[in-house]
Amino acid sequence: MELKPRSLKETKELNLNAIYQDIEPELEAVESCLQSLTSSSHPFLAEINSFLFRKKGKRLRPALVILSSRLFGYQGQDHILMASLVECIHTASLIHDDIVDNSRFRRGQSTLHARWGTNLSVLLGDHLYIQTINLLLQSNHDAIIRLLSRAVSQMIEGEINEFLMSNNFDLSEEQYLEIIRKKTASLFEASCAIGGLLAGAGEEQLHLINKFGSYLGLAFQIIDDLLDYLGDENILGKPTFSDLNEGRITLPLIHSLNCNGHPYWEKIIELARMRPLGEKQKEEILALLAQSSSFDYSFEKARELVSKCHELLARLPFSGYRQSLEGLADYILYRNR
């Protein structure tokens, strides 16, 4: 049975390399900066840092720093350092997230704690955070220091709230959106705001690019949660149903449980409580969520957020950088990993 919503089947072919074409040299500079920032005379730390940054990801957050700074006419070079530090914060958060979520794989590779154990991984995540904070303090960009400190605090609050809400089948859509606003969208928003601050953007421009980043981050997480049900494990590089197996209640399940008159909500909860989920249980859950149009609903919610992103960008100066941000918003909506 084809269980993907119609809207997910009609995907666009979006190439991230094409979207990044105008900033490719700057992203390469970010890679070099990351290698320099995370180098260490300590052999074990050097090995760990090499492991952490060995496989380049999508680099969405560094790209947002670069594109937003260039959008507002920034001509300096500090955006390379800031983009690198944002990626360090993101990487440190993933180390801790993988421990909390008991995730064994990310991007098709073993996670840090799966390879070196939980105790060391907690310390290594802390070490990367402290390294980043130290470099931020040396940058003399006080507004950006405050901005990133607040973003990290919100990310941690979001993760705490998500953990406390584990296995809570009464979780509302509003509570879910507040969790992902903090744990995911806060760093997207901060990445965009950094670019605006570096460029000296005006108050209205900063407001627009901040809202763009927030909506983009929300859409990103909703699609991430959809892919956990509907994605291809070989492309994702991790097992599907990881969220539900760890008790995380996300939008497709929330919508299905809150559908007025849905006749199978008790069955859904019964299946969702079976850990670990077998293939038969997964297929049953997919069928029930498809029956309540919960996948289509979730995708449409992400589409609405991306539409708001485009509306905000339309109020900012037109340029190739704005077009890249528009392309990035569409990529996030139609991605498969």
C-alpha atoms as a PDB file:
ATOM      1  CA  MET A   1       0.000   0.000   0.000  1.00  0.00           C
ATOM      2  CA  GLU A   2       1.223   3.529  -0.832  1.00  0.00           C
ATOM      3  CA  LEU A   3       1.075   5.311   2.499  1.00  0.00           C
ATOM      4  CA  LYS A   4       2.785   8.562   1.662  1.00  0.00           C
ATOM      5  CA  PRO A   5       0.463  11.552   1.352  1.00  0.00           C
ATOM      6  CA  ARG A   6      -0.137  12.784  -2.159  1.00  0.00           C
ATOM      7  CA  SER A   7       1.722  16.007  -1.393  1.00  0.00           C
ATOM      8  CA  LEU A   8       4.867  14.100  -0.419  1.00  0.00           C
ATOM      9  CA  LYS A   9       4.856  12.084  -3.623  1.00  0.00           C
ATOM     10  CA  GLU A  10       4.703  15.207  -5.786  1.00  0.00           C
ATOM     11  CA  THR A  11       8.117  16.410  -4.709  1.00  0.00           C
ATOM     12  CA  LYS A  12      10.304  18.873  -6.529  1.00  0.00           C
ATOM     13  CA  GLU A  13      13.832  18.028  -7.521  1.00  0.00           C
ATOM     14  CA  LEU A  14      15.794  20.553  -5.494  1.00  0.00           C
ATOM     15  CA  ASN A  15      19.559  20.497  -5.541  1.00  0.00           C
ATOM     16  CA  LEU A  16      21.247  21.919  -2.464  1.00  0.00           C
ATOM     17  CA  ASN A  17      24.494  22.458  -4.381  1.00  0.00           C
ATOM     18  CA  ALA A  18      22.652  24.665  -6.876  1.00  0.00           C
ATOM     19  CA  ILE A  19      21.059  26.646  -4.042  1.00  0.00           C
ATOM     20  CA  TYR A  20      24.495  27.122  -2.449  1.00  0.00           C
ATOM     21  CA  GLN A  21      26.220  28.018  -5.724  1.00  0.00           C
ATOM     22  CA  ASP A  22      26.710  31.726  -4.928  1.00  0.00           C
ATOM     23  CA  ILE A  23      28.146  31.025  -1.475  1.00  0.00           C
ATOM     24  CA  GLU A  24      30.133  27.850  -2.177  1.00  0.00           C
ATOM     25  CA  PRO A  25      33.535  29.534  -1.553  1.00  0.00           C
ATOM     26  CA  GLU A  26      32.255  30.848   1.778  1.00  0.00           C
ATOM     27  CA  LEU A  27      30.937  27.439   2.805  1.00  0.00           C
ATOM     28  CA  GLU A  28      34.337  25.964   1.946  1.00  0.00           C
ATOM     29  CA  ALA A  29      35.860  28.645   4.174  1.00  0.00           C
ATOM     30  CA  VAL A  30      33.503  27.496   6.942  1.00  0.00           C
ATOM     31  CA  GLU A  31      34.796  23.921   6.542  1.00  0.00           C
ATOM     32  CA  SER A  32      38.382  25.155   6.857  1.00  0.00           C
ATOM     33  CA  CYS A  33      37.425  27.271   9.860  1.00  0.00           C
ATOM     34  CA  LEU A  34      35.754  24.286  11.542  1.00  0.00           C
ATOM     35  CA  GLN A  35      38.894  22.205  11.095  1.00  0.00           C
ATOM     36  CA  SER A  36      40.982  25.006  12.580  1.00  0.00           C
ATOM     37  CA  LEU A  37      38.615  25.718  15.484  1.00  0.00           C
ATOM     38  CA  THR A  38      38.360  22.068  16.504  1.00  0.00           C
ATOM     39  CA  SER A  39      42.025  21.148  16.126  1.00  0.00           C
ATOM     40  CA  SER A  40      43.639  20.018  19.361  1.00  0.00           C
ATOM     41  CA  SER A  41      47.038  19.022  20.702  1.00  0.00           C
ATOM     42  CA  HIS A  42      45.220  16.378  22.740  1.00  0.00           C
ATOM     43  CA  PRO A  43      45.332  13.211  20.570  1.00  0.00           C
ATOM     44  CA  PHE A  44      41.958  11.901  21.713  1.00  0.00           C
ATOM     45  CA  LEU A  45      40.176  15.240  21.254  1.00  0.00           C
ATOM     46  CA  ALA A  46      41.770  15.570  17.827  1.00  0.00           C
ATOM     47  CA  GLU A  47      40.437  12.127  16.900  1.00  0.00           C
ATOM     48  CA  ILE A  48      36.958  12.944  18.207  1.00  0.00           C
ATOM     49  CA  ASN A  49      36.758  16.285  16.415  1.00  0.00           C
ATOM     50  CA  SER A  50      37.869  14.642  13.194  1.00  0.00           C
ATOM     51  CA  PHE A  51      35.102  12.060  13.693  1.00  0.00           C
ATOM     52  CA  LEU A  52      32.474  14.730  14.403  1.00  0.00           C
ATOM     53  CA  PHE A  53      33.181  16.838  11.336  1.00  0.00           C
ATOM     54  CA  ARG A  54      34.324  14.058   9.007  1.00  0.00           C
ATOM     55  CA  LYS A  55      31.101  13.922   7.028  1.00  0.00           C
ATOM     56  CA  LYS A  56      29.763  17.247   5.871  1.00  0.00           C
ATOM     57  CA  GLY A  57      26.039  17.597   6.487  1.00  0.00           C
ATOM     58  CA  LYS A  58      23.614  20.020   4.901  1.00  0.00           C
ATOM     59  CA  ARG A  59      25.205  22.987   6.703  1.00  0.00           C
ATOM     60  CA  LEU A  60      21.834  24.746   6.722  1.00  0.00           C
ATOM     61  CA  ARG A  61      22.583  26.981   9.684  1.00  0.00           C
ATOM     62  CA  PRO A  62      25.965  28.243   8.398  1.00  0.00           C
ATOM     63  CA  ALA A  63      24.304  28.885   5.033  1.00  0.00           C
ATOM     64  CA  LEU A  64      21.621  30.962   6.765  1.00  0.00           C
ATOM     65  CA  VAL A  65      24.282  33.083   8.493  1.00  0.00           C
ATOM     66  CA  ILE A  66      26.096  33.677   5.204  1.00  0.00           C
ATOM     67  CA  LEU A  67      23.019  34.302   3.051  1.00  0.00           C
ATOM     68  CA  SER A  68      21.335  36.634   5.541  1.00  0.00           C
ATOM     69  CA  SER A  69      24.515  38.676   6.011  1.00  0.00           C
ATOM     70  CA  ARG A  70      25.025  39.013   2.245  1.00  0.00           C
ATOM     71  CA  LEU A  71      21.335  39.771   1.717  1.00  0.00           C
ATOM     72  CA  PHE A  72      21.786  42.951   3.757  1.00  0.00           C
ATOM     73  CA  GLY A  73      25.040  43.922   2.050  1.00  0.00           C
ATOM     74  CA  TYR A  74      27.654  42.666   4.508  1.00  0.00           C
ATOM     75  CA  GLN A  75      31.174  42.874   3.026  1.00  0.00           C
ATOM     76  CA  GLY A  76      33.338  41.642   5.903  1.00  0.00           C
ATOM     77  CA  GLN A  77      34.647  38.204   6.875  1.00  0.00           C
ATOM     78  CA  ASP A  78      33.349  37.727  10.434  1.00  0.00           C
ATOM     79  CA  HIS A  79      30.360  35.827   9.060  1.00  0.00           C
ATOM     80  CA  ILE A  80      32.650  32.852   8.359  1.00  0.00           C
ATOM     81  CA  LEU A  81      33.616  32.547  12.025  1.00  0.00           C
ATOM     82  CA  MET A  82      30.023  33.063  13.175  1.00  0.00           C
ATOM     83  CA  ALA A  83      28.715  30.473  10.721  1.00  0.00           C
ATOM     84  CA  SER A  84      31.321  28.019  12.008  1.00  0.00           C
ATOM     85  CA  LEU A  85      30.422  28.664  15.639  1.00  0.00           C
ATOM     86  CA  VAL A  86      26.734  28.136  14.893  1.00  0.00           C
ATOM     87  CA  GLU A  87      27.620  24.765  13.341  1.00  0.00           C
ATOM     88  CA  CYS A  88      29.661  23.894  16.453  1.00  0.00           C
ATOM     89  CA  ILE A  89      26.649  24.680  18.650  1.00  0.00           C
ATOM     90  CA  HIS A  90      24.448  22.545  16.420  1.00  0.00           C
ATOM     91  CA  THR A  91      26.943  19.655  16.522  1.00  0.00           C
ATOM     92  CA  ALA A  92      27.271  19.839  20.317  1.00  0.00           C
ATOM     93  CA  SER A  93      23.486  19.762  20.628  1.00  0.00           C
ATOM     94  CA  LEU A  94      23.330  16.652  18.420  1.00  0.00           C
ATOM     95  CA  ILE A  95      25.828  14.854  20.671  1.00  0.00           C
ATOM     96  CA  HIS A  96      23.590  15.404  23.686  1.00  0.00           C
ATOM     97  CA  ASP A  97      20.359  14.789  21.732  1.00  0.00           C
ATOM     98  CA  ASP A  98      21.613  11.423  20.515  1.00  0.00           C
ATOM     99  CA  ILE A  99      22.370  10.398  24.094  1.00  0.00           C
ATOM    100  CA  VAL A 100      18.947  11.487  25.385  1.00  0.00           C
ATOM    101  CA  ASP A 101      17.192   9.847  22.418  1.00  0.00           C
ATOM    102  CA  ASN A 102      19.397   6.740  22.548  1.00  0.00           C
ATOM    103  CA  SER A 103      20.070   7.174  18.817  1.00  0.00           C
ATOM    104  CA  ARG A 104      22.705   4.768  17.513  1.00  0.00           C
ATOM    105  CA  PHE A 105      22.981   6.174  13.994  1.00  0.00           C
ATOM    106  CA  ARG A 106      23.071   9.586  12.341  1.00  0.00           C
ATOM    107  CA  ARG A 107      23.685  10.220   8.628  1.00  0.00           C
ATOM    108  CA  GLY A 108      24.364   6.530   8.176  1.00  0.00           C
ATOM    109  CA  GLN A 109      27.210   6.512  10.712  1.00  0.00           C
ATOM    110  CA  SER A 110      27.488   5.488  14.357  1.00  0.00           C
ATOM    111  CA  THR A 111      26.756   8.282  16.804  1.00  0.00           C
ATOM    112  CA  LEU A 112      29.445   9.442  19.201  1.00  0.00           C
ATOM    113  CA  HIS A 113      27.990   7.683  22.248  1.00  0.00           C
ATOM    114  CA  ALA A 114      27.431   4.465  20.280  1.00  0.00           C
ATOM    115  CA  ARG A 115      31.144   4.416  19.519  1.00  0.00           C
ATOM    116  CA  TRP A 116      32.737   5.859  22.666  1.00  0.00           C
ATOM    117  CA  GLY A 117      30.052   5.480  25.328  1.00  0.00           C
ATOM    118  CA  THR A 118      27.713   7.857  27.119  1.00  0.00           C
ATOM    119  CA  ASN A 119      30.074   9.174  29.805  1.00  0.00           C
ATOM    120  CA  LEU A 120      32.729  10.392  27.389  1.00  0.00           C
ATOM    121  CA  SER A 121      30.149  11.722  24.953  1.00  0.00           C
ATOM    122  CA  VAL A 122      28.528  13.956  27.583  1.00  0.00           C
ATOM    123  CA  LEU A 123      31.941  15.435  28.379  1.00  0.00           C
ATOM    124  CA  LEU A 124      32.798  15.850  24.702  1.00  0.00           C
ATOM    125  CA  GLY A 125      29.533  17.663  24.007  1.00  0.00           C
ATOM    126  CA  ASP A 126      30.216  19.951  26.972  1.00  0.00           C
ATOM    127  CA  HIS A 127      33.760  20.542  25.723  1.00  0.00           C
ATOM    128  CA  LEU A 128      32.525  21.612  22.288  1.00  0.00           C
ATOM    129  CA  TYR A 129      29.989  23.991  23.852  1.00  0.00           C
ATOM    130  CA  ILE A 130      32.690  25.564  26.047  1.00  0.00           C
ATOM    131  CA  GLN A 131      35.074  25.899  23.113  1.00  0.00           C
ATOM    132  CA  THR A 132      32.372  27.709  21.175  1.00  0.00           C
ATOM    133  CA  ILE A 133      31.486  30.048  24.041  1.00  0.00           C
ATOM    134  CA  ASN A 134      35.155  30.911  24.550  1.00  0.00           C
ATOM    135  CA  LEU A 135      35.576  31.796  20.874  1.00  0.00           C
ATOM    136  CA  LEU A 136      32.371  33.833  20.950  1.00  0.00           C
ATOM    137  CA  LEU A 137      33.643  35.844  23.914  1.00  0.00           C
ATOM    138  CA  GLN A 138      36.802  36.641  21.965  1.00  0.00           C
ATOM    139  CA  SER A 139      34.787  37.943  19.007  1.00  0.00           C
ATOM    140  CA  ASN A 140      33.662  41.188  20.694  1.00  0.00           C
ATOM    141  CA  HIS A 141      30.206  40.920  19.121  1.00  0.00           C
ATOM    142  CA  ASP A 142      28.209  41.432  22.312  1.00  0.00           C
ATOM    143  CA  ALA A 143      24.781  41.360  20.655  1.00  0.00           C
ATOM    144  CA  ILE A 144      25.588  38.062  18.936  1.00  0.00           C
ATOM    145  CA  ILE A 145      26.921  36.575  22.181  1.00  0.00           C
ATOM    146  CA  ARG A 146      23.625  37.424  23.900  1.00  0.00           C
ATOM    147  CA  LEU A 147      21.653  36.124  20.936  1.00  0.00           C
ATOM    148  CA  LEU A 148      23.385  32.737  20.801  1.00  0.00           C
ATOM    149  CA  SER A 149      23.335  32.344  24.588  1.00  0.00           C
ATOM    150  CA  ARG A 150      19.572  32.822  24.529  1.00  0.00           C
ATOM    151  CA  ALA A 151      19.214  30.404  21.595  1.00  0.00           C
ATOM    152  CA  VAL A 152      21.198  27.663  23.360  1.00  0.00           C
ATOM    153  CA  SER A 153      19.120  28.167  26.507  1.00  0.00           C
ATOM    154  CA  GLN A 154      15.929  27.779  24.473  1.00  0.00           C
ATOM    155  CA  MET A 155      17.274  24.675  22.714  1.00  0.00           C
ATOM    156  CA  ILE A 156      17.941  23.040  26.074  1.00  0.00           C
ATOM    157  CA  GLU A 157      14.506  24.056  27.410  1.00  0.00           C
ATOM    158  CA  GLY A 158      12.909  22.562  24.315  1.00  0.00           C
ATOM    159  CA  GLU A 159      14.753  19.281  24.783  1.00  0.00           C
ATOM    160  CA  ILE A 160      13.788  19.185  28.473  1.00  0.00           C
ATOM    161  CA  ASN A 161      10.133  19.819  27.657  1.00  0.00           C
ATOM    162  CA  GLU A 162      10.174  17.155  24.951  1.00  0.00           C
ATOM    163  CA  PHE A 163      11.662  14.659  27.392  1.00  0.00           C
ATOM    164  CA  LEU A 164       9.096  15.528  30.080  1.00  0.00           C
ATOM    165  CA  MET A 165       6.300  15.106  27.538  1.00  0.00           C
ATOM    166  CA  SER A 166       7.505  11.670  26.400  1.00  0.00           C
ATOM    167  CA  ASN A 167       4.681   9.130  26.109  1.00  0.00           C
ATOM    168  CA  ASN A 168       2.112  11.863  26.751  1.00  0.00           C
ATOM    169  CA  PHE A 169      -0.674  11.034  24.299  1.00  0.00           C
ATOM    170  CA  ASP A 170      -2.569  14.133  25.459  1.00  0.00           C
ATOM    171  CA  LEU A 171       0.129  16.426  24.029  1.00  0.00           C
ATOM    172  CA  SER A 172      -1.568  19.225  22.089  1.00  0.00           C
ATOM    173  CA  GLU A 173      -0.477  20.672  18.771  1.00  0.00           C
ATOM    174  CA  GLU A 174       0.234  23.991  20.508  1.00  0.00           C
ATOM    175  CA  GLN A 175       2.512  22.282  23.041  1.00  0.00           C
ATOM    176  CA  TYR A 176       4.282  20.405  20.246  1.00  0.00           C
ATOM    177  CA  LEU A 177       4.866  23.609  18.263  1.00  0.00           C
ATOM    178  CA  GLU A 178       6.270  25.339  21.343  1.00  0.00           C
ATOM    179  CA  ILE A 179       8.671  22.432  21.921  1.00  0.00           C
ATOM    180  CA  ILE A 180      10.002  22.495  18.356  1.00  0.00           C
ATOM    181  CA  ARG A 181      10.111  26.302  18.321  1.00  0.00           C
ATOM    182  CA  LYS A 182      12.590  26.134  21.173  1.00  0.00           C
ATOM    183  CA  LYS A 183      14.561  22.988  20.377  1.00  0.00           C
ATOM    184  CA  THR A 184      14.948  23.557  16.610  1.00  0.00           C
ATOM    185  CA  ALA A 185      13.621  26.879  15.332  1.00  0.00           C
ATOM    186  CA  SER A 186      15.537  28.976  17.883  1.00  0.00           C
ATOM    187  CA  LEU A 187      18.913  28.227  16.247  1.00  0.00           C
ATOM    188  CA  PHE A 188      17.516  28.766  12.741  1.00  0.00           C
ATOM    189  CA  GLU A 189      16.228  32.152  13.881  1.00  0.00           C
ATOM    190  CA  ALA A 190      19.526  33.015  15.575  1.00  0.00           C
ATOM    191  CA  SER A 191      21.480  32.072  12.432  1.00  0.00           C
ATOM    192  CA  CYS A 192      19.439  34.511  10.360  1.00  0.00           C
ATOM    193  CA  ALA A 193      19.614  37.204  13.032  1.00  0.00           C
ATOM    194  CA  ILE A 194      23.420  36.963  13.192  1.00  0.00           C
ATOM    195  CA  GLY A 195      23.668  37.780   9.496  1.00  0.00           C
ATOM    196  CA  GLY A 196      21.403  40.773   9.932  1.00  0.00           C
ATOM    197  CA  LEU A 197      23.312  42.037  12.964  1.00  0.00           C
ATOM    198  CA  LEU A 198      26.681  41.727  11.209  1.00  0.00           C
ATOM    199  CA  ALA A 199      25.327  43.716   8.261  1.00  0.00           C
ATOM    200  CA  GLY A 200      23.790  46.404  10.445  1.00  0.00           C
ATOM    201  CA  ALA A 201      20.267  45.711   9.192  1.00  0.00           C
ATOM    202  CA  GLY A 202      17.479  47.974  10.391  1.00  0.00           C
ATOM    203  CA  GLU A 203      14.918  47.016  13.026  1.00  0.00           C
ATOM    204  CA  GLU A 204      12.211  46.084  10.504  1.00  0.00           C
ATOM    205  CA  GLN A 205      14.647  44.058   8.401  1.00  0.00           C
ATOM    206  CA  LEU A 206      15.856  42.206  11.496  1.00  0.00           C
ATOM    207  CA  HIS A 207      12.276  41.448  12.481  1.00  0.00           C
ATOM    208  CA  LEU A 208      11.517  40.008   9.031  1.00  0.00           C
ATOM    209  CA  ILE A 209      14.641  37.838   8.788  1.00  0.00           C
ATOM    210  CA  ASN A 210      14.141  36.608  12.370  1.00  0.00           C
ATOM    211  CA  LYS A 211      10.567  35.525  11.618  1.00  0.00           C
ATOM    212  CA  PHE A 212      11.787  33.879   8.414  1.00  0.00           C
ATOM    213  CA  GLY A 213      14.305  31.830  10.404  1.00  0.00           C
ATOM    214  CA  SER A 214      11.730  30.839  13.000  1.00  0.00           C
ATOM    215  CA  TYR A 215       9.146  29.681  10.444  1.00  0.00           C
ATOM    216  CA  LEU A 216      11.849  27.864   8.493  1.00  0.00           C
ATOM    217  CA  GLY A 217      12.989  26.000  11.609  1.00  0.00           C
ATOM    218  CA  LEU A 218       9.433  24.960  12.452  1.00  0.00           C
ATOM    219  CA  ALA A 219       8.891  23.654   8.917  1.00  0.00           C
ATOM    220  CA  PHE A 220      12.218  21.812   9.053  1.00  0.00           C
ATOM    221  CA  GLN A 221      11.260  19.964  12.246  1.00  0.00           C
ATOM    222  CA  ILE A 222       7.767  19.064  11.036  1.00  0.00           C
ATOM    223  CA  ILE A 223       9.254  17.539   7.868  1.00  0.00           C
ATOM    224  CA  ASP A 224      11.858  15.780  10.022  1.00  0.00           C
ATOM    225  CA  ASP A 225       9.059  14.266  12.091  1.00  0.00           C
ATOM    226  CA  LEU A 226       7.182  13.229   8.948  1.00  0.00           C
ATOM    227  CA  LEU A 227      10.283  11.553   7.541  1.00  0.00           C
ATOM    228  CA  ASP A 228      10.594   9.549  10.750  1.00  0.00           C
ATOM    229  CA  TYR A 229       7.391   7.807   9.677  1.00  0.00           C
ATOM    230  CA  LEU A 230       7.619   7.920   5.889  1.00  0.00           C
ATOM    231  CA  GLY A 231      11.294   8.244   5.000  1.00  0.00           C
ATOM    232  CA  ASP A 232      13.603   5.742   3.346  1.00  0.00           C
ATOM    233  CA  GLU A 233      15.963   4.357   5.997  1.00  0.00           C
ATOM    234  CA  ASN A 234      18.772   4.014   3.441  1.00  0.00           C
ATOM    235  CA  ILE A 235      18.500   7.702   2.566  1.00  0.00           C
ATOM    236  CA  LEU A 236      17.873   8.908   6.123  1.00  0.00           C
ATOM    237  CA  GLY A 237      20.826   6.945   7.478  1.00  0.00           C
ATOM    238  CA  LYS A 238      18.837   5.921  10.565  1.00  0.00           C
ATOM    239  CA  PRO A 239      15.827   3.720  11.367  1.00  0.00           C
ATOM    240  CA  THR A 240      12.314   5.042  10.876  1.00  0.00           C
ATOM    241  CA  PHE A 241       9.946   5.193  13.866  1.00  0.00           C
ATOM    242  CA  SER A 242      12.888   6.273  16.056  1.00  0.00           C
ATOM    243  CA  ASP A 243      10.744   9.002  17.633  1.00  0.00           C
ATOM    244  CA  LEU A 244       7.858   6.765  18.622  1.00  0.00           C
ATOM    245  CA  ASN A 245      10.184   4.022  19.843  1.00  0.00           C
ATOM    246  CA  GLU A 246      11.639   6.595  22.262  1.00  0.00           C
ATOM    247  CA  GLY A 247       8.226   7.919  23.284  1.00  0.00           C
ATOM    248  CA  ARG A 248       8.366  11.185  21.325  1.00  0.00           C
ATOM    249  CA  ILE A 249       4.889  12.264  20.248  1.00  0.00           C
ATOM    250  CA  THR A 250       5.007  14.328  17.053  1.00  0.00           C
ATOM    251  CA  LEU A 251       2.502  16.096  14.824  1.00  0.00           C
ATOM    252  CA  PRO A 252       1.176  13.185  12.700  1.00  0.00           C
ATOM    253  CA  LEU A 253       0.257  11.203  15.816  1.00  0.00           C
ATOM    254  CA  ILE A 254      -1.085  14.279  17.629  1.00  0.00           C
ATOM    255  CA  HIS A 255      -3.368  15.092  14.697  1.00  0.00           C
ATOM    256  CA  SER A 256      -4.658  11.539  14.395  1.00  0.00           C
ATOM    257  CA  LEU A 257      -5.450  11.289  18.111  1.00  0.00           C
ATOM    258  CA  ASN A 258      -7.286  14.610  18.016  1.00  0.00           C
ATOM    259  CA  CYS A 259      -9.386  13.909  14.933  1.00  0.00           C
ATOM    260  CA  ASN A 260     -13.020  14.237  15.959  1.00  0.00           C
ATOM    261  CA  GLY A 261     -14.667  10.864  15.718  1.00  0.00           C
ATOM    262  CA  HIS A 262     -11.553   8.927  14.722  1.00  0.00           C
ATOM    263  CA  PRO A 263     -12.705   5.389  15.558  1.00  0.00           C
ATOM    264  CA  TYR A 264      -9.289   3.892  16.174  1.00  0.00           C
ATOM    265  CA  TRP A 265      -7.539   6.235  18.603  1.00  0.00           C
ATOM    266  CA  GLU A 266      -7.448   3.582  21.341  1.00  0.00           C
ATOM    267  CA  LYS A 267      -5.884   1.155  18.865  1.00  0.00           C
ATOM    268  CA  ILE A 268      -3.301   3.771  17.847  1.00  0.00           C
ATOM    269  CA  ILE A 269      -2.274   4.331  21.469  1.00  0.00           C
ATOM    270  CA  GLU A 270      -2.161   0.588  22.112  1.00  0.00           C
ATOM    271  CA  LEU A 271       0.147   0.091  19.115  1.00  0.00           C
ATOM    272  CA  ALA A 272       2.275   3.141  19.933  1.00  0.00           C
ATOM    273  CA  ARG A 273       3.002   1.751  23.404  1.00  0.00           C
ATOM    274  CA  MET A 274       4.525  -1.446  21.999  1.00  0.00           C
ATOM    275  CA  ARG A 275       8.301  -1.004  22.292  1.00  0.00           C
ATOM    276  CA  PRO A 276      10.256  -1.739  20.259  1.00  0.00           C
ATOM    277  CA  LEU A 277       7.787  -1.558  17.412  1.00  0.00           C
ATOM    278  CA  GLY A 278       7.812  -4.502  15.039  1.00  0.00           C
ATOM    279  CA  GLU A 279       7.189  -4.249  11.303  1.00  0.00           C
ATOM    280  CA  LYS A 280       3.570  -5.359  11.702  1.00  0.00           C
ATOM    281  CA  GLN A 281       2.881  -2.652  14.297  1.00  0.00           C
ATOM    282  CA  LYS A 282       4.594  -0.034  12.128  1.00  0.00           C
ATOM    283  CA  GLU A 283       2.443  -0.935   9.136  1.00  0.00           C
ATOM    284  CA  GLU A 284      -0.722  -0.747  11.246  1.00  0.00           C
ATOM    285  CA  ILE A 285       0.225   2.662  12.641  1.00  0.00           C
ATOM    286  CA  LEU A 286       1.055   3.974   9.161  1.00  0.00           C
ATOM    287  CA  ALA A 287      -2.310   2.770   7.857  1.00  0.00           C
ATOM    288  CA  LEU A 288      -4.239   4.373  10.736  1.00  0.00           C
ATOM    289  CA  LEU A 289      -2.419   7.704  10.440  1.00  0.00           C
ATOM    290  CA  ALA A 290      -2.962   7.694   6.680  1.00  0.00           C
ATOM    291  CA  GLN A 291      -6.655   6.980   7.225  1.00  0.00           C
ATOM    292  CA  SER A 292      -6.972  10.109   9.381  1.00  0.00           C
ATOM    293  CA  SER A 293      -5.044  12.166   6.750  1.00  0.00           C
ATOM    294  CA  SER A 294      -2.506  13.017   9.441  1.00  0.00           C
ATOM    295  CA  PHE A 295       0.474  12.879   7.088  1.00  0.00           C
ATOM    296  CA  ASP A 296      -1.235  15.233   4.629  1.00  0.00           C
ATOM    297  CA  TYR A 297      -2.196  17.530   7.508  1.00  0.00           C
ATOM    298  CA  SER A 298       1.382  17.684   8.802  1.00  0.00           C
ATOM    299  CA  PHE A 299       2.827  18.328   5.355  1.00  0.00           C
ATOM    300  CA  GLU A 300       0.276  21.086   4.767  1.00  0.00           C
ATOM    301  CA  LYS A 301       1.272  22.693   8.077  1.00  0.00           C
ATOM    302  CA  ALA A 302       4.908  22.725   6.919  1.00  0.00           C
ATOM    303  CA  ARG A 303       3.842  24.070   3.528  1.00  0.00           C
ATOM    304  CA  GLU A 304       1.969  26.934   5.204  1.00  0.00           C
ATOM    305  CA  LEU A 305       5.085  27.830   7.186  1.00  0.00           C
ATOM    306  CA  VAL A 306       7.245  27.818   4.051  1.00  0.00           C
ATOM    307  CA  SER A 307       4.645  29.992   2.322  1.00  0.00           C
ATOM    308  CA  LYS A 308       5.013  32.484   5.190  1.00  0.00           C
ATOM    309  CA  CYS A 309       8.786  32.344   4.652  1.00  0.00           C
ATOM    310  CA  HIS A 310       8.300  33.401   1.031  1.00  0.00           C
ATOM    311  CA  GLU A 311       5.953  36.215   2.059  1.00  0.00           C
ATOM    312  CA  LEU A 312       8.554  37.571   4.473  1.00  0.00           C
ATOM    313  CA  LEU A 313      11.378  37.352   1.930  1.00  0.00           C
ATOM    314  CA  ALA A 314       9.250  39.238  -0.616  1.00  0.00           C
ATOM    315  CA  ARG A 315       9.470  42.255   1.709  1.00  0.00           C
ATOM    316  CA  LEU A 316      13.283  42.188   1.705  1.00  0.00           C
ATOM    317  CA  PRO A 317      15.703  43.439  -0.991  1.00  0.00           C
ATOM    318  CA  PHE A 318      15.738  41.320  -4.143  1.00  0.00           C
ATOM    319  CA  SER A 319      19.066  39.659  -4.967  1.00  0.00           C
ATOM    320  CA  GLY A 320      20.615  36.309  -5.778  1.00  0.00           C
ATOM    321  CA  TYR A 321      21.011  35.802  -2.029  1.00  0.00           C
ATOM    322  CA  ARG A 322      17.285  36.241  -1.497  1.00  0.00           C
ATOM    323  CA  GLN A 323      16.647  33.739  -4.274  1.00  0.00           C
ATOM    324  CA  SER A 324      18.952  31.284  -2.511  1.00  0.00           C
ATOM    325  CA  LEU A 325      16.985  31.720   0.714  1.00  0.00           C
ATOM    326  CA  GLU A 326      13.779  31.091  -1.233  1.00  0.00           C
ATOM    327  CA  GLY A 327      15.316  27.952  -2.708  1.00  0.00           C
ATOM    328  CA  LEU A 328      16.447  26.825   0.732  1.00  0.00           C
ATOM    329  CA  ALA A 329      12.898  27.168   2.067  1.00  0.00           C
ATOM    330  CA  ASP A 330      11.579  24.989  -0.760  1.00  0.00           C
ATOM    331  CA  TYR A 331      14.385  22.475  -0.260  1.00  0.00           C
ATOM    332  CA  ILE A 332      13.465  22.087   3.413  1.00  0.00           C
ATOM    333  CA  LEU A 333       9.861  21.374   2.450  1.00  0.00           C
ATOM    334  CA  TYR A 334      10.632  18.770  -0.218  1.00  0.00           C
ATOM    335  CA  ARG A 335      13.765  17.119   1.178  1.00  0.00           C
ATOM    336  CA  ASN A 336      14.020  13.369   1.675  1.00  0.00           C
ATOM    337  CA  ARG A 337      16.667  13.317   4.420  1.00  0.00           C
END
